Amino acid sequence: YLLSFIKEKILRKRIIVSLGVILLSFYILILPHLEHPLYKNKPHVEYERFLSLKEVSNIPYQIWFTNFSQVVLLIFSYATPLVFLIFIAAIFYARKNKKILLPMLFVLGPIIFEILMLRNIDARYLVVSVPVILLVAGNLLEASTLKRKVLTALTLTGVICSGLLLTFFPLKYHQMIYFIPNARNDFAQYVTSWPSGYGVKEAADWLTQKSQEKNMFVFIRDDSGNPEEAMVVYLRKNEKIIVLPVGLLDELYKNRDHLILSDPGFYFVSRGNQLAGMEKRFREVARYPKPQGQEYVGIYEVIK
């Protein structure tokens, strides 16, 4: 889409060639990883999100209708109702204005593909399209024949109110759109449930502060996401802390007098109450709850 603004053919050709070289180089770099047995033998759960060609040929209209309604609700709630209404108006106006038509195709192409080919749609699938939705809405406002003062007042009011709400009261905004199923799921997933980042940095800061008193091994479940991967990132440069999978706990604890860190402490960072079946070996020393208190990041000291 951006190439359409570049009128000089030689410059456009150079950009296309450069992008081709970048993509080819990237593929060459990751090819050894794609051919690694650990990757090839790992189940690719992402493929299960797509409908097979056989399923699509059977016209799964119920799935398509559900996906369509989810897209509408997600754009309405996350792009704000004002942008949603302007975007709908732009769809009807696009055939009259080529400036809007091209970005409109860029928006609708991925959305139509996702509606037809995915088993269900989450907000993450619209990330590619949302910035262009804003561009389409802006182009329509610019081309509109309505009074500029009216448009400016409406737009600024909507943007300022939404911006202030999202900046200072993000939880309130999500609670306002809680009636939308997808928004409710995202709220649980990214705010109140374990994938949320709330409490993660606080736990890392606690461990960093504690490491000033003594060296420590920090154990995490062999899992991905928060807080496991975050602990690796936050604590990786701390010379007094070594982060390890909890499967190594027994061996290291038995040999704690002969380790690379002298007189170390042993701690476990939990995803809520998921303690890897070692509840009797841990003593809770800190807890950082997520909003609404349903989940938390826990820090436990290994006592035996």
Protein backbone atom coordinates (compact mmCIF):
# COMPACT_ATOMS: atom_id res chain seq x y z
CA TYR A 1 0.00 0.00 0.00
CA LEU A 2 2.77 2.45 0.90
CA LEU A 3 4.44 1.79 -2.46
CA SER A 4 1.43 3.35 -4.17
CA PHE A 5 2.56 6.75 -2.86
CA ILE A 6 5.97 6.41 -4.57
CA LYS A 7 5.57 7.65 -8.12
CA GLU A 8 9.21 7.24 -9.21
CA LYS A 9 9.49 3.80 -10.82
CA ILE A 10 13.23 3.36 -10.20
CA LEU A 11 12.88 4.11 -6.48
CA ARG A 12 9.87 1.80 -6.22
CA LYS A 13 11.83 -0.98 -7.94
CA ARG A 14 14.76 -0.52 -5.55
CA ILE A 15 12.47 -0.77 -2.54
CA ILE A 16 10.84 -3.95 -3.86
CA VAL A 17 14.25 -5.53 -4.57
CA SER A 18 15.49 -4.54 -1.10
CA LEU A 19 12.44 -6.09 0.54
CA GLY A 20 12.99 -9.27 -1.48
CA VAL A 21 16.62 -9.47 -0.35
CA ILE A 22 15.61 -8.91 3.29
CA LEU A 23 12.95 -11.64 3.18
CA LEU A 24 15.30 -14.09 1.44
CA SER A 25 18.08 -13.38 3.94
CA PHE A 26 15.67 -13.87 6.83
CA TYR A 27 14.55 -17.22 5.42
CA ILE A 28 18.17 -18.36 4.98
CA LEU A 29 18.93 -17.40 8.59
CA ILE A 30 15.99 -19.28 10.10
CA LEU A 31 16.17 -22.31 7.76
CA PRO A 32 18.57 -24.27 10.04
CA HIS A 33 16.17 -23.76 12.94
CA LEU A 34 13.18 -24.89 10.85
CA GLU A 35 15.06 -28.07 9.93
CA HIS A 36 16.09 -28.82 13.51
CA PRO A 37 14.54 -32.12 14.74
CA LEU A 38 13.21 -30.50 17.91
CA TYR A 39 11.22 -28.04 15.81
CA LYS A 40 10.09 -30.49 13.14
CA ASN A 41 8.88 -33.03 15.70
CA LYS A 42 7.08 -30.46 17.84
CA PRO A 43 3.29 -30.41 17.33
CA HIS A 44 2.32 -27.21 15.53
CA VAL A 45 -0.88 -26.32 17.32
CA GLU A 46 -1.26 -23.16 15.26
CA TYR A 47 -2.28 -25.27 12.26
CA GLU A 48 -5.26 -26.53 14.23
CA ARG A 49 -6.68 -22.99 14.26
CA PHE A 50 -7.31 -23.20 10.51
CA LEU A 51 -10.20 -24.94 8.79
CA SER A 52 -9.19 -27.62 6.31
CA LEU A 53 -10.11 -27.22 2.64
CA LYS A 54 -12.62 -30.03 3.08
CA GLU A 55 -14.28 -28.18 5.96
CA VAL A 56 -14.40 -24.96 3.96
CA SER A 57 -15.96 -26.76 0.99
CA ASN A 58 -18.80 -27.89 3.27
CA ILE A 59 -19.74 -24.20 3.78
CA PRO A 60 -19.45 -23.89 7.59
CA TYR A 61 -21.81 -20.94 7.70
CA GLN A 62 -22.18 -21.07 11.49
CA ILE A 63 -18.42 -20.63 11.98
CA TRP A 64 -18.36 -17.86 9.37
CA PHE A 65 -21.24 -16.02 10.99
CA THR A 66 -19.61 -16.32 14.42
CA ASN A 67 -16.29 -15.06 13.07
CA PHE A 68 -18.00 -12.16 11.30
CA SER A 69 -19.85 -11.11 14.45
CA GLN A 70 -16.64 -11.35 16.47
CA VAL A 71 -14.80 -9.10 14.00
CA VAL A 72 -17.59 -6.51 14.16
CA LEU A 73 -17.64 -6.52 17.96
CA LEU A 74 -13.86 -6.37 18.27
CA ILE A 75 -13.49 -3.41 15.90
CA PHE A 76 -16.42 -1.69 17.62
CA SER A 77 -14.95 -2.14 21.10
CA TYR A 78 -11.21 -1.78 20.53
CA ALA A 79 -11.09 0.79 17.73
CA THR A 80 -13.83 2.71 19.61
CA PRO A 81 -17.42 3.14 18.34
CA LEU A 82 -16.53 6.44 16.62
CA VAL A 83 -13.86 4.87 14.41
CA PHE A 84 -16.10 1.86 13.75
CA LEU A 85 -18.95 4.03 12.45
CA ILE A 86 -16.60 6.09 10.28
CA PHE A 87 -15.08 2.87 8.91
CA ILE A 88 -18.52 1.51 7.97
CA ALA A 89 -19.27 4.75 6.15
CA ALA A 90 -15.91 4.46 4.36
CA ILE A 91 -16.84 1.01 3.02
CA PHE A 92 -19.74 2.52 1.09
CA TYR A 93 -17.70 5.54 0.06
CA ALA A 94 -14.66 3.55 -1.16
CA ARG A 95 -16.04 2.83 -4.64
CA LYS A 96 -16.21 6.58 -5.28
CA ASN A 97 -12.76 7.40 -3.93
CA LYS A 98 -9.65 5.51 -5.09
CA LYS A 99 -7.65 7.04 -2.26
CA ILE A 100 -9.76 5.02 0.17
CA LEU A 101 -10.24 1.96 -2.06
CA LEU A 102 -6.66 0.64 -1.87
CA PRO A 103 -6.27 0.75 1.93
CA MET A 104 -9.81 -0.62 2.22
CA LEU A 105 -8.75 -3.69 0.23
CA PHE A 106 -5.71 -4.01 2.51
CA VAL A 107 -8.06 -4.06 5.52
CA LEU A 108 -10.77 -6.32 4.14
CA GLY A 109 -8.42 -8.87 2.52
CA PRO A 110 -6.96 -10.27 5.77
CA ILE A 111 -10.29 -9.93 7.59
CA ILE A 112 -12.21 -11.89 4.93
CA PHE A 113 -9.50 -14.58 4.90
CA GLU A 114 -9.66 -14.89 8.69
CA ILE A 115 -13.46 -15.08 8.70
CA LEU A 116 -13.44 -17.87 6.11
CA MET A 117 -10.41 -19.88 7.26
CA LEU A 118 -10.14 -19.62 11.06
CA ARG A 119 -12.11 -21.69 13.55
CA ASN A 120 -12.44 -18.66 15.82
CA ILE A 121 -11.09 -15.13 15.94
CA ASP A 122 -9.30 -13.32 18.75
CA ALA A 123 -8.29 -9.68 18.91
CA ARG A 124 -4.70 -10.58 18.02
CA TYR A 125 -5.76 -11.55 14.49
CA LEU A 126 -6.89 -7.99 13.76
CA VAL A 127 -3.59 -6.35 14.70
CA VAL A 128 -2.52 -6.13 11.04
CA SER A 129 -5.74 -4.42 9.98
CA VAL A 130 -6.45 -1.99 12.81
CA PRO A 131 -3.80 0.65 11.92
CA VAL A 132 -5.12 0.78 8.36
CA ILE A 133 -8.69 1.05 9.67
CA LEU A 134 -7.59 4.28 11.36
CA LEU A 135 -6.02 5.42 8.09
CA VAL A 136 -9.23 4.67 6.18
CA ALA A 137 -11.29 6.56 8.75
CA GLY A 138 -8.94 9.52 8.52
CA ASN A 139 -9.09 9.58 4.72
CA LEU A 140 -12.88 9.58 4.82
CA LEU A 141 -12.95 12.50 7.24
CA GLU A 142 -10.54 14.39 5.02
CA ALA A 143 -12.67 13.77 1.92
CA SER A 144 -15.99 14.42 3.63
CA THR A 145 -18.14 17.35 2.52
CA LEU A 146 -19.42 17.97 6.04
CA LYS A 147 -18.34 21.10 7.84
CA ARG A 148 -14.76 20.80 9.02
CA LYS A 149 -15.53 22.40 12.36
CA VAL A 150 -18.19 19.77 13.09
CA LEU A 151 -15.86 16.91 12.13
CA THR A 152 -12.99 18.38 14.09
CA ALA A 153 -15.14 18.79 17.20
CA LEU A 154 -16.56 15.25 16.98
CA THR A 155 -13.20 13.65 16.28
CA LEU A 156 -11.26 15.54 18.95
CA THR A 157 -13.96 14.89 21.54
CA GLY A 158 -13.96 11.17 20.82
CA VAL A 159 -10.18 10.87 20.66
CA ILE A 160 -9.52 12.91 23.81
CA CYS A 161 -12.18 11.13 25.88
CA SER A 162 -11.09 7.67 24.74
CA GLY A 163 -7.42 8.56 25.15
CA LEU A 164 -7.85 9.85 28.69
CA LEU A 165 -9.93 6.84 29.67
CA LEU A 166 -7.43 4.33 28.24
CA THR A 167 -4.43 6.20 29.67
CA PHE A 168 -5.60 6.77 33.23
CA PHE A 169 -8.34 4.16 33.71
CA PRO A 170 -7.52 1.21 31.40
CA LEU A 171 -9.29 -1.28 33.66
CA LYS A 172 -12.44 0.85 33.64
CA TYR A 173 -12.49 0.88 29.85
CA HIS A 174 -12.20 -2.90 29.65
CA GLN A 175 -14.93 -3.25 32.25
CA MET A 176 -17.18 -1.02 30.13
CA ILE A 177 -16.87 -3.42 27.17
CA TYR A 178 -16.98 -6.53 29.38
CA PHE A 179 -20.39 -7.48 27.93
CA ILE A 180 -18.67 -8.38 24.63
CA PRO A 181 -17.57 -12.06 24.83
CA ASN A 182 -14.25 -11.55 23.03
CA ALA A 183 -13.42 -8.47 25.06
CA ARG A 184 -14.28 -10.40 28.22
CA ASN A 185 -11.94 -13.23 27.18
CA ASP A 186 -9.15 -10.80 26.35
CA PHE A 187 -9.69 -9.03 29.67
CA ALA A 188 -9.23 -12.32 31.48
CA GLN A 189 -6.33 -13.37 29.31
CA TYR A 190 -4.29 -10.18 29.40
CA VAL A 191 -5.38 -8.45 32.62
CA THR A 192 -6.70 -10.76 35.32
CA SER A 193 -5.44 -14.24 34.36
CA TRP A 194 -1.94 -15.72 34.36
CA PRO A 195 -0.80 -14.37 30.92
CA SER A 196 -1.21 -10.87 32.32
CA GLY A 197 1.97 -8.90 32.98
CA TYR A 198 0.69 -7.56 36.31
CA GLY A 199 2.94 -8.62 39.17
CA VAL A 200 5.69 -10.00 36.94
CA LYS A 201 8.15 -7.12 37.14
CA GLU A 202 7.35 -6.66 40.82
CA ALA A 203 8.38 -10.27 41.44
CA ALA A 204 11.59 -9.79 39.45
CA ASP A 205 12.36 -6.62 41.41
CA TRP A 206 11.83 -8.47 44.71
CA LEU A 207 14.31 -11.17 43.66
CA THR A 208 16.81 -8.58 42.44
CA GLN A 209 16.62 -6.77 45.78
CA LYS A 210 16.96 -10.04 47.69
CA SER A 211 20.00 -11.06 45.62
CA GLN A 212 21.93 -8.14 47.14
CA GLU A 213 21.88 -10.07 50.41
CA LYS A 214 22.86 -13.49 48.99
CA ASN A 215 23.26 -15.44 45.76
CA MET A 216 20.28 -17.44 44.59
CA PHE A 217 18.92 -19.98 42.17
CA VAL A 218 15.48 -19.08 40.84
CA PHE A 219 13.41 -21.98 39.54
CA ILE A 220 10.51 -21.77 37.11
CA ARG A 221 8.14 -24.27 35.55
CA ASP A 222 9.18 -25.59 32.13
CA ASP A 223 6.55 -23.50 30.38
CA SER A 224 6.21 -20.42 28.20
CA GLY A 225 4.62 -17.07 28.95
CA ASN A 226 4.32 -15.16 32.22
CA PRO A 227 6.02 -15.32 34.60
CA GLU A 228 8.41 -18.03 33.35
CA GLU A 229 9.95 -16.42 30.28
CA ALA A 230 9.76 -12.98 31.86
CA MET A 231 11.97 -14.11 34.76
CA VAL A 232 14.63 -15.25 32.29
CA VAL A 233 14.58 -11.85 30.59
CA TYR A 234 14.45 -9.68 33.70
CA LEU A 235 17.11 -11.58 35.65
CA ARG A 236 19.48 -12.64 32.86
CA LYS A 237 22.14 -9.99 33.59
CA ASN A 238 22.16 -10.40 37.36
CA GLU A 239 25.40 -12.19 38.23
CA LYS A 240 24.02 -13.27 41.60
CA ILE A 241 20.98 -15.05 40.13
CA ILE A 242 20.75 -18.14 37.93
CA VAL A 243 17.32 -19.02 36.50
CA LEU A 244 16.71 -22.73 35.90
CA PRO A 245 13.81 -25.10 35.15
CA VAL A 246 12.31 -26.63 38.26
CA GLY A 247 13.22 -30.12 37.05
CA LEU A 248 16.81 -29.44 38.18
CA LEU A 249 15.80 -28.46 41.71
CA ASP A 250 16.35 -31.85 43.38
CA GLU A 251 19.84 -32.35 42.00
CA LEU A 252 21.02 -28.84 42.82
CA TYR A 253 19.47 -28.79 46.29
CA LYS A 254 21.18 -32.05 47.24
CA ASN A 255 24.53 -30.63 46.11
CA ARG A 256 23.99 -27.10 47.38
CA ASP A 257 27.40 -27.03 49.10
CA HIS A 258 29.25 -27.65 45.82
CA LEU A 259 27.63 -25.20 43.40
CA ILE A 260 28.97 -22.34 41.31
CA LEU A 261 27.14 -19.87 43.57
CA SER A 262 28.35 -19.91 47.16
CA ASP A 263 25.77 -20.30 49.95
CA PRO A 264 22.83 -19.75 47.57
CA GLY A 265 19.18 -19.29 48.32
CA PHE A 266 16.62 -21.36 46.42
CA TYR A 267 13.42 -19.73 45.20
CA PHE A 268 10.54 -20.70 42.95
CA VAL A 269 8.40 -18.25 40.97
CA SER A 270 4.87 -19.53 40.47
CA ARG A 271 2.04 -18.95 38.06
CA GLY A 272 -0.68 -18.59 40.68
CA ASN A 273 -1.06 -21.82 42.65
CA GLN A 274 0.73 -23.94 40.05
CA LEU A 275 3.59 -25.24 42.17
CA ALA A 276 4.78 -28.16 40.03
CA GLY A 277 3.54 -30.65 42.64
CA MET A 278 6.03 -29.42 45.25
CA GLU A 279 3.71 -27.63 47.65
CA LYS A 280 5.24 -29.27 50.73
CA ARG A 281 8.73 -28.10 49.81
CA PHE A 282 7.88 -24.42 49.40
CA ARG A 283 7.19 -21.56 51.78
CA GLU A 284 5.51 -18.48 50.33
CA VAL A 285 7.51 -15.29 50.89
CA ALA A 286 5.81 -12.84 48.51
CA ARG A 287 2.67 -12.60 46.41
CA TYR A 288 1.76 -10.06 43.73
CA PRO A 289 -1.93 -10.27 42.81
CA LYS A 290 -3.30 -9.36 39.43
CA PRO A 291 -6.37 -7.10 39.09
CA GLN A 292 -9.49 -8.53 40.80
CA GLY A 293 -7.26 -10.92 42.78
CA GLN A 294 -8.16 -14.05 40.80
CA GLU A 295 -4.55 -14.81 39.88
CA TYR A 296 -1.14 -13.82 41.18
CA VAL A 297 2.60 -14.23 40.77
CA GLY A 298 4.03 -16.01 43.79
CA ILE A 299 7.57 -16.25 45.13
CA TYR A 300 8.37 -19.29 47.25
CA GLU A 301 11.47 -20.23 49.21
CA VAL A 302 12.59 -23.86 48.95
CA ILE A 303 12.75 -25.20 52.50
CA LYS A 304 13.64 -28.86 51.93
